[in-house]
Protein backbone atom coordinates (compact mmCIF):
# COMPACT_ATOMS: atom_id res chain seq x y z
CA LEU A 1 86.81 -122.73 94.32
CA MET A 2 87.25 -124.06 90.47
CA ARG A 3 86.21 -127.22 88.86
CA ILE A 4 88.91 -130.05 88.08
CA THR A 5 89.55 -130.41 84.50
CA GLY A 6 92.12 -132.69 83.80
CA ILE A 7 92.31 -136.16 84.65
CA LEU A 8 93.35 -137.91 87.95
CA LEU A 9 95.38 -141.00 86.95
CA LEU A 10 95.47 -143.30 89.95
CA ALA A 11 98.05 -146.04 90.22
CA ALA A 12 96.66 -149.74 91.95
CA LEU A 13 97.55 -150.41 95.17
CA SER A 14 100.03 -152.77 94.94
CA THR A 15 100.65 -155.09 98.67
CA ALA A 16 103.58 -156.27 96.52
CA PHE A 17 104.91 -152.92 96.36
CA CYS A 18 103.32 -150.58 99.21
CA PRO A 19 102.03 -153.18 101.53
CA GLY A 20 101.62 -150.84 104.16
CA LEU A 21 99.45 -148.23 101.83
CA ALA A 22 97.37 -150.90 100.43
CA ARG A 23 96.58 -152.18 103.93
CA GLY A 24 95.45 -148.55 104.72
CA GLN A 25 98.08 -147.52 107.03
CA HIS A 26 100.28 -144.19 107.10
CA VAL A 27 103.39 -142.62 108.01
CA ASP A 28 100.68 -139.72 109.35
CA PRO A 29 97.19 -139.06 109.82
CA PHE A 30 96.60 -136.32 107.82
CA MET A 31 99.44 -135.80 105.54
CA GLY A 32 99.29 -136.97 101.48
CA ASP A 33 96.98 -136.40 98.76
CA TRP A 34 93.58 -136.88 99.05
CA ARG A 35 90.22 -135.95 96.06
CA GLY A 36 87.32 -133.73 97.63
CA SER A 37 83.98 -132.30 96.63
CA GLY A 38 82.04 -129.19 98.29
CA VAL A 39 79.28 -126.58 97.63
CA ASP A 40 79.48 -123.29 98.31
CA GLU A 41 76.75 -121.61 100.29
CA ASN A 42 74.84 -120.66 96.68
CA GLY A 43 74.16 -123.60 95.94
CA GLN A 44 77.79 -124.03 93.35
CA ALA A 45 78.67 -127.65 93.75
CA TYR A 46 82.75 -128.03 93.08
CA GLU A 47 85.65 -130.59 92.55
CA PHE A 48 89.07 -130.11 94.02
CA VAL A 49 91.97 -131.88 94.96
CA ALA A 50 95.14 -131.63 98.01
CA GLN A 51 98.15 -132.34 98.86
CA ILE A 52 98.83 -132.10 102.35
CA ILE A 53 102.18 -131.49 104.31
CA ALA A 54 103.00 -132.25 108.08
CA GLN A 55 105.90 -129.43 109.27
CA GLY A 56 105.82 -131.25 112.56
CA ASP A 57 104.03 -130.90 115.92
CA GLY A 58 100.96 -131.20 114.43
CA GLN A 59 100.91 -128.50 112.25
CA TYR A 60 99.95 -128.84 108.50
CA ARG A 61 99.71 -126.74 105.08
CA ILE A 62 97.19 -127.83 103.33
CA ASN A 63 97.65 -127.12 99.14
CA VAL A 64 93.86 -126.94 97.53
CA LEU A 65 94.45 -127.85 93.46
CA ASN A 66 91.91 -127.98 90.73
CA ARG A 67 94.51 -131.09 89.43
CA PHE A 68 97.69 -132.81 89.90
CA ASP A 69 100.85 -133.61 88.42
CA VAL A 70 100.82 -129.77 86.65
CA ARG A 71 102.89 -126.41 87.53
CA GLU A 72 100.01 -124.41 89.34
CA ARG A 73 99.37 -122.48 92.51
CA PRO A 74 97.18 -123.86 94.08
CA ILE A 75 94.15 -122.16 94.96
CA HIS A 76 94.30 -122.00 98.49
CA VAL A 77 96.81 -122.54 101.32
CA MET A 78 95.38 -123.67 104.42
CA ASP A 79 97.53 -123.70 107.64
CA GLY A 80 96.26 -125.00 110.74
CA VAL A 81 96.61 -127.53 113.83
CA LEU A 82 95.94 -130.73 113.91
CA LYS A 83 94.81 -131.78 117.22
CA ASP A 84 92.17 -134.46 118.63
CA GLY A 85 91.35 -135.29 114.99
CA LYS A 86 89.87 -131.58 114.72
CA PHE A 87 91.71 -129.14 112.38
CA PRO A 88 90.80 -125.04 112.49
CA TYR A 89 92.49 -123.19 109.77
CA THR A 90 93.63 -120.13 108.43
CA ALA A 91 93.91 -119.96 104.46
CA ASP A 92 95.25 -117.33 101.80
CA ALA A 93 96.91 -115.28 104.85
CA GLY A 94 93.66 -115.05 107.01
CA ALA A 95 90.66 -114.11 103.53
CA TYR A 96 89.35 -117.55 104.41
CA THR A 97 88.70 -119.05 108.14
CA GLY A 98 86.80 -122.48 108.81
CA SER A 99 87.34 -126.16 110.54
CA GLY A 100 87.45 -130.09 110.01
CA ALA A 101 87.28 -133.06 111.75
CA LEU A 102 89.33 -136.06 110.21
CA ASP A 103 87.88 -139.68 110.82
CA GLY A 104 90.06 -142.21 109.56
CA ASP A 105 90.44 -141.62 105.56
CA VAL A 106 87.67 -139.68 104.95
CA PHE A 107 87.90 -135.01 106.53
CA ARG A 108 84.72 -132.98 106.33
CA GLY A 109 84.77 -129.47 107.39
CA PHE A 110 82.91 -126.03 106.47
CA TYR A 111 84.64 -122.54 105.73
CA LYS A 112 84.17 -118.78 106.03
CA GLY A 113 85.23 -115.91 104.09
CA ASP A 114 83.49 -114.06 100.97
CA VAL A 115 81.84 -116.88 100.21
CA GLY A 116 81.24 -119.79 102.86
CA GLY A 117 80.33 -123.42 102.25
CA ARG A 118 81.49 -126.89 103.18
CA PHE A 119 83.69 -129.38 101.68
CA GLU A 120 85.01 -133.51 102.42
CA MET A 121 87.95 -135.04 101.25
CA ARG A 122 88.72 -138.73 100.80
CA ARG A 123 92.70 -139.50 100.85
CA ILE A 124 93.98 -141.36 97.78
CA VAL A 125 97.32 -143.48 97.28
CA ARG A 126 98.54 -142.57 93.52
CA LEU A 127 101.44 -144.60 92.77
CA SER A 128 104.41 -144.41 89.86
CA PRO A 129 103.54 -146.74 86.79
CA THR A 130 106.63 -148.08 86.72
CA LEU A 131 106.81 -149.24 90.29
CA GLY A 132 108.53 -153.17 90.21
CA ALA A 133 109.92 -152.20 86.30
CA LYS A 134 111.79 -155.82 85.74
CA PRO A 135 114.72 -155.51 83.93
CA PRO A 136 114.86 -156.10 80.67
CA GLN A 137 116.81 -158.44 78.66
CA GLY A 138 120.55 -156.61 78.11
CA ALA A 139 120.32 -154.65 81.86
CA ILE A 140 122.61 -154.92 84.11
CA VAL A 141 120.96 -155.71 88.02
CA LEU A 142 122.74 -152.76 89.89
CA PHE A 143 120.54 -153.89 93.21
CA ASP A 144 117.89 -156.91 93.38
CA GLY A 145 117.60 -156.42 97.11
CA ARG A 146 120.00 -159.11 98.66
CA ASN A 147 123.45 -157.84 98.84
CA LEU A 148 125.92 -154.73 97.75
CA ASP A 149 128.00 -156.69 95.61
CA PRO A 150 127.78 -154.19 93.07
CA TRP A 151 129.17 -151.54 95.00
CA GLU A 152 131.53 -149.38 97.37
CA ARG A 153 131.93 -146.86 99.74
CA ILE A 154 133.44 -143.28 98.84
CA GLY A 155 136.36 -141.92 101.11
CA GLY A 156 136.13 -144.45 103.47
CA VAL A 157 138.43 -144.57 106.08
CA GLU A 158 140.44 -147.85 107.22
CA GLY A 159 138.97 -148.96 111.01
CA MET A 160 136.78 -145.95 111.14
CA ILE A 161 134.36 -145.67 114.41
CA ASN A 162 132.14 -143.11 112.72
CA LEU A 163 131.29 -141.30 115.95
CA ALA A 164 128.87 -138.52 114.11
CA LYS A 165 126.55 -141.46 112.81
CA LEU A 166 126.93 -143.42 116.27
CA VAL A 167 126.41 -141.11 118.69
CA GLY A 168 126.37 -137.66 117.03
CA SER A 169 126.41 -134.03 118.54
CA ASP A 170 128.73 -130.98 118.45
CA ASN A 171 131.25 -129.27 120.86
CA ALA A 172 130.68 -133.37 123.01
CA ALA A 173 132.85 -136.86 123.92
CA ALA A 174 132.17 -139.81 123.58
CA TYR A 175 134.18 -142.93 125.05
CA VAL A 176 134.68 -146.32 123.03
CA ARG A 177 135.86 -149.52 124.56
CA THR A 178 136.93 -152.99 123.52
CA THR A 179 138.74 -155.48 125.71
CA PHE A 180 141.39 -158.21 123.89
CA ASN A 181 143.58 -160.98 124.48
CA SER A 182 147.06 -160.71 124.28
CA GLU A 183 148.48 -164.94 124.00
CA THR A 184 151.63 -163.20 126.08
CA ALA A 185 152.78 -160.65 128.29
CA ARG A 186 154.44 -157.88 125.21
CA GLN A 187 155.05 -154.58 124.04
CA ALA A 188 152.77 -153.08 120.76
CA VAL A 189 152.35 -149.93 119.37
CA LEU A 190 148.69 -148.86 119.82
CA GLU A 191 148.31 -146.49 116.40
CA VAL A 192 145.03 -144.48 116.94
CA GLY A 193 143.90 -141.99 114.59
CA SER A 194 140.72 -139.03 115.47
CA ASP A 195 138.79 -136.56 115.08
CA ASP A 196 139.45 -134.53 116.70
CA GLY A 197 141.17 -134.96 120.44
CA VAL A 198 141.64 -138.52 121.97
CA LYS A 199 142.09 -139.50 125.68
CA VAL A 200 143.74 -143.08 125.67
CA TRP A 201 143.56 -145.64 128.83
CA MET A 202 144.71 -148.93 128.48
CA ASN A 203 143.38 -151.66 131.53
CA GLY A 204 142.91 -148.05 132.99
CA ALA A 205 145.76 -146.17 133.14
CA VAL A 206 145.48 -142.73 131.11
CA VAL A 207 148.62 -143.70 128.24
CA HIS A 208 147.93 -140.86 125.91
CA THR A 209 146.61 -137.43 125.79
CA ASN A 210 146.20 -135.37 121.97
CA ASN A 211 144.02 -132.19 122.57
CA ALA A 212 144.04 -131.93 118.68
CA SER A 213 141.60 -130.30 116.16
CA ARG A 214 142.23 -132.58 113.20
CA GLY A 215 140.47 -134.29 110.58
CA LEU A 216 140.44 -138.79 111.49
CA SER A 217 143.31 -140.11 109.30
CA PRO A 218 145.06 -144.28 110.85
CA GLY A 219 147.90 -143.97 112.83
CA GLN A 220 147.87 -140.59 113.66
CA ASP A 221 149.18 -140.98 117.01
CA LYS A 222 151.47 -144.28 117.74
CA ILE A 223 151.59 -145.43 121.95
CA PRO A 224 154.00 -147.83 123.26
CA VAL A 225 152.04 -149.91 125.43
CA ASN A 226 153.28 -153.06 127.31
CA LEU A 227 150.58 -155.72 126.75
CA VAL A 228 149.39 -158.22 129.81
CA LYS A 229 148.84 -161.71 129.02
CA GLY A 230 145.40 -162.02 128.79
CA PRO A 231 142.46 -159.51 128.44
CA ASN A 232 143.35 -155.74 127.91
CA ARG A 233 141.00 -153.33 128.04
CA LEU A 234 141.19 -150.71 126.07
CA MET A 235 138.92 -147.05 126.14
CA LEU A 236 139.22 -143.77 124.32
CA LYS A 237 137.79 -140.09 124.85
CA VAL A 238 137.15 -138.82 121.37
CA THR A 239 136.25 -134.90 121.96
CA ASN A 240 134.42 -133.22 118.41
CA GLY A 241 134.56 -129.12 117.86
CA GLY A 242 131.90 -129.78 114.66
CA GLY A 243 131.36 -131.25 111.76
CA ASP A 244 133.14 -135.14 111.32
CA TRP A 245 133.73 -136.68 114.07
CA ALA A 246 135.28 -140.62 114.34
CA ALA A 247 138.55 -142.38 115.57
CA CYS A 248 140.37 -145.63 114.73
CA ALA A 249 142.67 -147.82 116.54
CA ARG A 250 145.17 -150.86 115.51
CA LEU A 251 147.74 -152.90 117.56
CA ALA A 252 150.90 -153.43 115.47
CA ASP A 253 154.53 -154.70 116.47
CA GLU A 254 157.45 -151.92 116.39
CA ASN A 255 158.10 -152.00 112.28
CA GLY A 256 154.16 -151.75 111.87
CA LYS A 257 152.64 -154.85 111.34
CA ALA A 258 149.26 -156.73 112.61
CA LEU A 259 149.95 -158.56 115.69
CA GLU A 260 149.09 -161.46 115.54
CA THR A 261 149.30 -162.76 118.65
CA VAL A 262 146.46 -160.91 119.42
CA ALA A 263 142.43 -161.66 119.12
CA GLU A 264 138.75 -159.72 120.18
CA TYR A 265 136.46 -160.45 121.98
CA GLY A 266 132.97 -161.88 120.16
CA GLN A 267 131.14 -158.38 122.53
CA ALA A 268 134.29 -156.51 123.16
CA ASP A 269 134.29 -157.09 126.57
CA GLY A 270 136.17 -160.23 127.27
CA GLN A 271 133.21 -162.58 126.64
CA GLY A 272 133.00 -165.09 123.90
CA ALA A 273 136.08 -166.55 122.54
CA PRO A 274 139.00 -164.56 121.09
CA THR A 275 139.11 -164.80 117.42
CA ARG A 276 142.44 -164.21 116.53
CA ASP A 277 141.42 -164.59 112.49
CA TYR A 278 139.15 -161.57 112.50
CA LEU A 279 141.77 -159.36 113.64
CA LYS A 280 144.44 -160.11 111.32
CA ALA A 281 142.08 -159.97 108.82
CA ASN A 282 141.52 -156.47 108.99
CA ASN A 283 145.34 -154.88 109.41
CA GLY A 284 145.54 -155.44 113.23
CA PHE A 285 142.68 -152.67 113.47
CA LEU A 286 139.83 -153.22 116.43
CA THR A 287 136.46 -153.44 115.06
CA ARG A 288 134.57 -154.71 117.79
CA TRP A 289 133.51 -151.78 120.33
CA TRP A 290 131.31 -150.45 123.31
CA VAL A 291 130.56 -146.72 122.41
CA CYS A 292 128.45 -144.25 124.78
CA GLY A 293 127.88 -140.36 124.51
CA PRO A 294 127.28 -138.22 123.55
CA TYR A 295 128.32 -135.81 126.50
CA ARG A 296 128.40 -132.14 126.86
CA VAL A 297 128.70 -129.27 129.42
CA ASP A 298 126.93 -126.58 128.73
CA GLY A 299 129.59 -123.14 127.53
CA LYS A 300 132.36 -125.78 126.78
CA GLY A 301 133.54 -126.28 123.32
CA GLY A 302 134.85 -129.96 122.39
CA PRO A 303 138.29 -128.97 123.46
CA ASP A 304 137.07 -127.90 126.92
CA LEU A 305 135.95 -131.25 127.43
CA MET A 306 139.42 -133.39 127.57
CA ASP A 307 140.09 -132.80 131.13
CA ILE A 308 136.94 -132.64 132.59
CA GLU A 309 135.74 -136.07 133.63
CA LEU A 310 132.23 -137.06 131.93
CA GLY A 311 130.24 -140.30 131.86
CA PRO A 312 132.81 -143.85 131.91
CA GLU A 313 135.10 -141.32 134.07
CA GLN A 314 133.30 -140.89 136.89
CA SER A 315 132.78 -144.06 139.37
CA SER A 316 129.62 -142.67 140.25
CA VAL A 317 128.24 -142.21 137.07
CA GLU A 318 126.90 -146.03 135.11
CA ALA A 319 127.03 -144.87 131.54
CA SER A 320 124.41 -146.55 129.11
CA TRP A 321 126.93 -148.54 126.59
CA SER A 322 125.89 -149.99 122.77
CA PHE A 323 127.91 -153.00 121.21
CA VAL A 324 128.83 -152.00 117.13
CA GLU A 325 130.89 -153.84 114.75
CA ILE A 326 132.49 -152.18 112.18
CA ASN A 327 133.80 -153.36 109.00
CA ALA A 328 137.34 -152.60 108.76
CA ASP A 329 137.81 -152.31 105.39
CA PRO A 330 137.41 -148.69 103.60
CA LYS A 331 135.19 -149.46 100.84
CA THR A 332 133.21 -152.13 102.15
CA PRO A 333 129.97 -150.26 101.89
CA ARG A 334 128.09 -150.25 105.63
CA TRP A 335 124.33 -149.40 104.08
CA ILE A 336 122.05 -151.29 105.52
CA ILE A 337 119.59 -154.23 103.78
CA LYS A 338 116.29 -154.88 104.67
CA ASP A 339 112.97 -155.16 103.63
CA GLY A 340 114.57 -156.11 99.59
CA ALA A 341 115.81 -151.94 99.95
CA MET A 342 119.16 -150.73 100.92
CA GLN A 343 119.27 -147.51 103.28
CA VAL A 344 121.67 -144.95 103.41
CA ASN A 345 124.11 -145.44 105.70
CA ASP A 346 127.68 -144.50 106.83
CA GLY A 347 128.78 -142.95 103.80
CA SER A 348 128.16 -142.46 100.00
CA ILE A 349 128.30 -145.18 97.45
CA ARG A 350 129.32 -146.12 94.01
CA THR A 351 128.99 -149.17 91.01
CA LYS A 352 132.22 -151.03 91.00
CA ARG A 353 131.85 -150.97 87.62
CA ASN A 354 132.93 -147.38 86.14
CA ASP A 355 132.46 -148.27 82.84
CA PHE A 356 128.95 -146.42 81.22
CA THR A 357 128.65 -144.22 78.90
CA ASP A 358 124.78 -143.77 77.75
CA PHE A 359 121.80 -145.85 79.15
CA LYS A 360 118.49 -145.62 80.49
CA LEU A 361 118.40 -146.13 84.21
CA HIS A 362 115.23 -147.62 86.41
CA ILE A 363 115.66 -146.87 89.63
CA GLU A 364 113.41 -146.65 93.24
CA PHE A 365 113.58 -144.76 95.89
CA LYS A 366 111.91 -143.60 99.28
CA THR A 367 112.46 -140.80 101.62
CA PRO A 368 112.01 -140.61 105.50
CA PHE A 369 109.35 -138.65 107.14
CA MET A 370 110.88 -135.95 108.77
CA PRO A 371 108.06 -133.09 109.51
CA ASN A 372 110.33 -131.11 112.04
CA ALA A 373 113.14 -131.09 108.97
CA ARG A 374 113.12 -127.66 106.63
CA GLY A 375 114.53 -127.65 102.82
CA GLN A 376 117.55 -129.71 102.67
CA GLY A 377 117.69 -131.52 106.22
CA ARG A 378 114.57 -133.57 105.19
CA GLY A 379 114.78 -136.68 102.86
CA ASN A 380 118.70 -135.74 101.27
CA SER A 381 120.09 -137.84 98.43
CA GLY A 382 121.01 -138.09 95.06
CA VAL A 383 121.46 -140.06 92.32
CA TYR A 384 124.73 -139.09 90.38
CA LEU A 385 125.28 -140.40 86.92
CA GLN A 386 128.73 -141.33 85.78
CA ASN A 387 129.09 -140.30 88.96
CA ARG A 388 129.91 -136.78 88.27
CA TYR A 389 125.57 -135.11 87.05
CA GLU A 390 123.32 -135.43 90.41
CA VAL A 391 119.35 -136.00 90.14
CA GLN A 392 118.47 -134.16 93.20
CA VAL A 393 116.25 -136.86 95.78
CA LEU A 394 114.50 -134.91 98.59
CA ASP A 395 111.27 -135.02 100.62
CA SER A 396 109.95 -132.07 98.47
CA TYR A 397 105.97 -132.83 98.68
CA GLY A 398 103.97 -130.14 98.33
CA LEU A 399 106.60 -127.78 96.92
CA GLU A 400 106.87 -125.63 94.26
CA GLY A 401 109.57 -127.94 92.49
CA MET A 402 112.87 -125.95 91.70
CA ASP A 403 116.09 -127.02 91.14
CA ASN A 404 117.35 -127.96 94.18
CA GLU A 405 114.29 -129.87 94.44
CA CYS A 406 113.03 -133.46 93.95
CA GLY A 407 113.82 -134.46 90.36
CA GLY A 408 115.51 -131.23 90.12
CA ILE A 409 119.06 -130.84 88.53
CA TYR A 410 120.75 -127.98 90.72
CA GLN A 411 121.88 -124.96 89.17
CA VAL A 412 120.96 -126.65 85.79
CA GLY A 413 117.04 -127.14 85.83
CA ARG A 414 114.54 -127.43 87.45
CA PRO A 415 111.26 -130.09 87.13
CA ALA A 416 108.76 -129.56 84.97
CA VAL A 417 106.55 -130.07 87.60
CA ASN A 418 107.09 -131.60 91.26
CA MET A 419 105.96 -135.07 91.53
CA CYS A 420 107.25 -135.78 94.67
CA ALA A 421 105.05 -138.25 96.59
CA PRO A 422 104.94 -137.70 100.38
CA PRO A 423 107.58 -139.21 102.53
CA GLU A 424 107.62 -143.09 103.32
CA GLN A 425 106.32 -143.35 99.62
CA TRP A 426 107.67 -145.71 97.13
CA GLN A 427 108.81 -143.31 94.05
CA THR A 428 111.08 -143.76 90.79
CA TYR A 429 113.33 -142.45 87.96
CA ASP A 430 113.12 -143.48 84.94
CA ILE A 431 116.41 -141.57 83.31
CA ASP A 432 117.89 -141.62 79.52
CA PHE A 433 120.97 -140.18 79.41
CA THR A 434 123.29 -140.01 76.99
CA SER A 435 126.81 -138.64 77.82
CA ALA A 436 129.56 -136.01 76.52
CA LYS A 437 130.97 -136.58 73.26
CA VAL A 438 133.49 -134.86 70.75
CA VAL A 439 131.71 -135.21 67.17
CA ASP A 440 133.14 -133.30 64.17
CA GLY A 441 135.83 -131.48 66.60
CA ARG A 442 133.52 -129.98 68.95
CA GLN A 443 132.26 -131.46 72.39
CA LYS A 444 128.79 -131.98 73.02
CA PRO A 445 127.29 -131.54 76.34
CA ALA A 446 125.59 -134.67 78.17
CA VAL A 447 121.43 -135.13 77.93
CA LEU A 448 119.11 -136.72 79.88
CA THR A 449 115.38 -137.25 80.12
CA VAL A 450 113.40 -137.67 83.41
CA MET A 451 110.57 -139.51 83.85
CA HIS A 452 109.42 -139.08 87.77
CA ASN A 453 106.56 -141.42 89.12
CA GLY A 454 106.02 -141.82 85.35
CA VAL A 455 105.80 -137.99 84.49
CA LYS A 456 108.07 -136.26 82.23
CA ILE A 457 109.65 -133.66 84.04
CA HIS A 458 113.39 -133.43 82.13
CA ASP A 459 113.24 -133.20 78.38
CA GLY A 460 115.93 -133.60 77.04
CA LEU A 461 118.27 -131.55 79.44
CA ARG A 462 121.48 -130.56 78.10
CA ILE A 463 124.34 -130.05 80.61
CA SER A 464 127.22 -128.73 80.17
CA GLY A 465 129.87 -129.61 83.45
CA PRO A 466 129.62 -131.29 86.50
CA THR A 467 127.12 -130.70 89.48
CA GLY A 468 127.67 -129.79 93.06
CA GLY A 469 129.35 -132.95 94.97
CA ALA A 470 130.79 -134.50 91.45
CA LEU A 471 133.53 -137.27 92.03
CA ASP A 472 135.31 -136.37 89.38
CA GLY A 473 135.55 -133.58 86.09
CA ASN A 474 136.85 -135.53 82.99
CA VAL A 475 132.73 -135.52 81.34
CA LEU A 476 134.37 -137.17 78.05
CA GLN A 477 135.13 -140.33 80.44
CA PRO A 478 132.71 -143.98 81.24
CA GLY A 479 131.84 -143.31 84.76
CA GLY A 480 129.69 -145.19 87.60
CA ILE A 481 126.70 -143.90 89.00
CA TYR A 482 127.05 -143.18 93.15
CA LEU A 483 123.62 -142.45 95.35
CA GLN A 484 125.17 -139.86 98.30
CA ASP A 485 124.74 -140.28 101.57
CA HIS A 486 123.46 -137.03 103.19
CA GLY A 487 122.85 -138.12 106.88
CA ASN A 488 118.97 -138.91 106.23
CA PRO A 489 117.92 -142.71 106.07
CA VAL A 490 116.64 -142.44 102.38
CA GLN A 491 116.20 -146.12 100.78
CA PHE A 492 117.00 -147.25 97.22
CA ARG A 493 115.38 -150.23 95.49
CA ASN A 494 115.12 -152.28 91.76
CA ILE A 495 118.14 -150.23 90.69
CA TRP A 496 118.97 -151.37 86.71
CA LEU A 497 121.29 -149.85 84.40
CA LEU A 498 120.19 -150.75 80.36
CA PRO A 499 123.13 -149.60 78.12
CA LYS A 500 122.18 -148.23 74.57
CA SER A 501 123.59 -149.40 71.91
CA PRO A 502 126.39 -147.21 70.08
């Protein structure tokens, strides 16, 4: 091991912005940044730092480094399994072996190889110096921890029950049920949409089956139904062959107008007072549901499940139902707000304002702890500038730092150094962006400089065109800020944008 050169900058712990860390709590007993020292069998003392990465099922990788925040190969890479506080390991493909013991925030061990010795590491927490940065005068606050008013959902479907989010599985079936109140006995039209197939029960009788393979659109199937006076019970079975999985249901008259004499119950099962105005306000879409599933049968695909009696269809089986209330408006963000942060949930979002050109953007984010996931499945999201240039968000802690990892601009530029913090630790992007322009008859590309956790990872990077996932390709038009839903519960907070003077 080599003696450390350079400076290790430690930000002070902040109870306001990392209360769990400030109390000495960690998402994992081992994962994170460490600082160490040791002595070899020749009496030579040395110092080092380390990144410890959880890989699931008790497995860890330790990158032993000279210093943080530079692009250098690790001095050693140690792999092992932590069990009962003990960590026997191999290093550098077996060139070294050793063992250590974890005691709280201290890890002590020994190693054998060409030269043997002993070492000790202590956990450290390094926070971004711009955490909690206040919006300066003239800044536009996009999220202050209280509401999602400046944002709208991208690509939503009116009245959609997102089964992929609620129960999730391929080649499976799920059930949704609700109860609504009709003031009179009457005929109506039940408009159902599904991805993929759907079977419909009204008051216990099958009224429709469509074993389709399709994407979701409202009103794909229009089913004449006879409503009884008082409570009416509706159940849908929705199959999935892979990919998206969703359904929606709407009550209308023969002219397609929402039924105003039909109201939903507060808990969708006939309990509580019917609420006519709620249904009327949502254009006739039913929004209060009980959901159960997924149900699978070995060797059967999604379409095969349509005529197989599962869960709620079997009188001898007691299904486990969960209540969910959806917002029928497709543009209303469905992200979760808790503890002053918003969390990715059910669809990407973008700012309602779409007029940003040149600006500075501050945004704080936290990736979830997903030790068994790898690559793009581990804490994935993205920050799109002008809705078309993505700065990657990903749990890339301890990785090399490529263009498809945290801080990268996909297929354009890798970060100068991988500055990704461990999962469940708040991080910052401070981005200086200049939009594409036509100057003297020639088009100049967009340019950005990115600071990740206080360190410059892109400096005047030119981007010739939109990156993958862009909402449009007209680079000469203003745009908004777009945050990506990639299926992982990434969190964001303290988002503000400062327009630059022309």
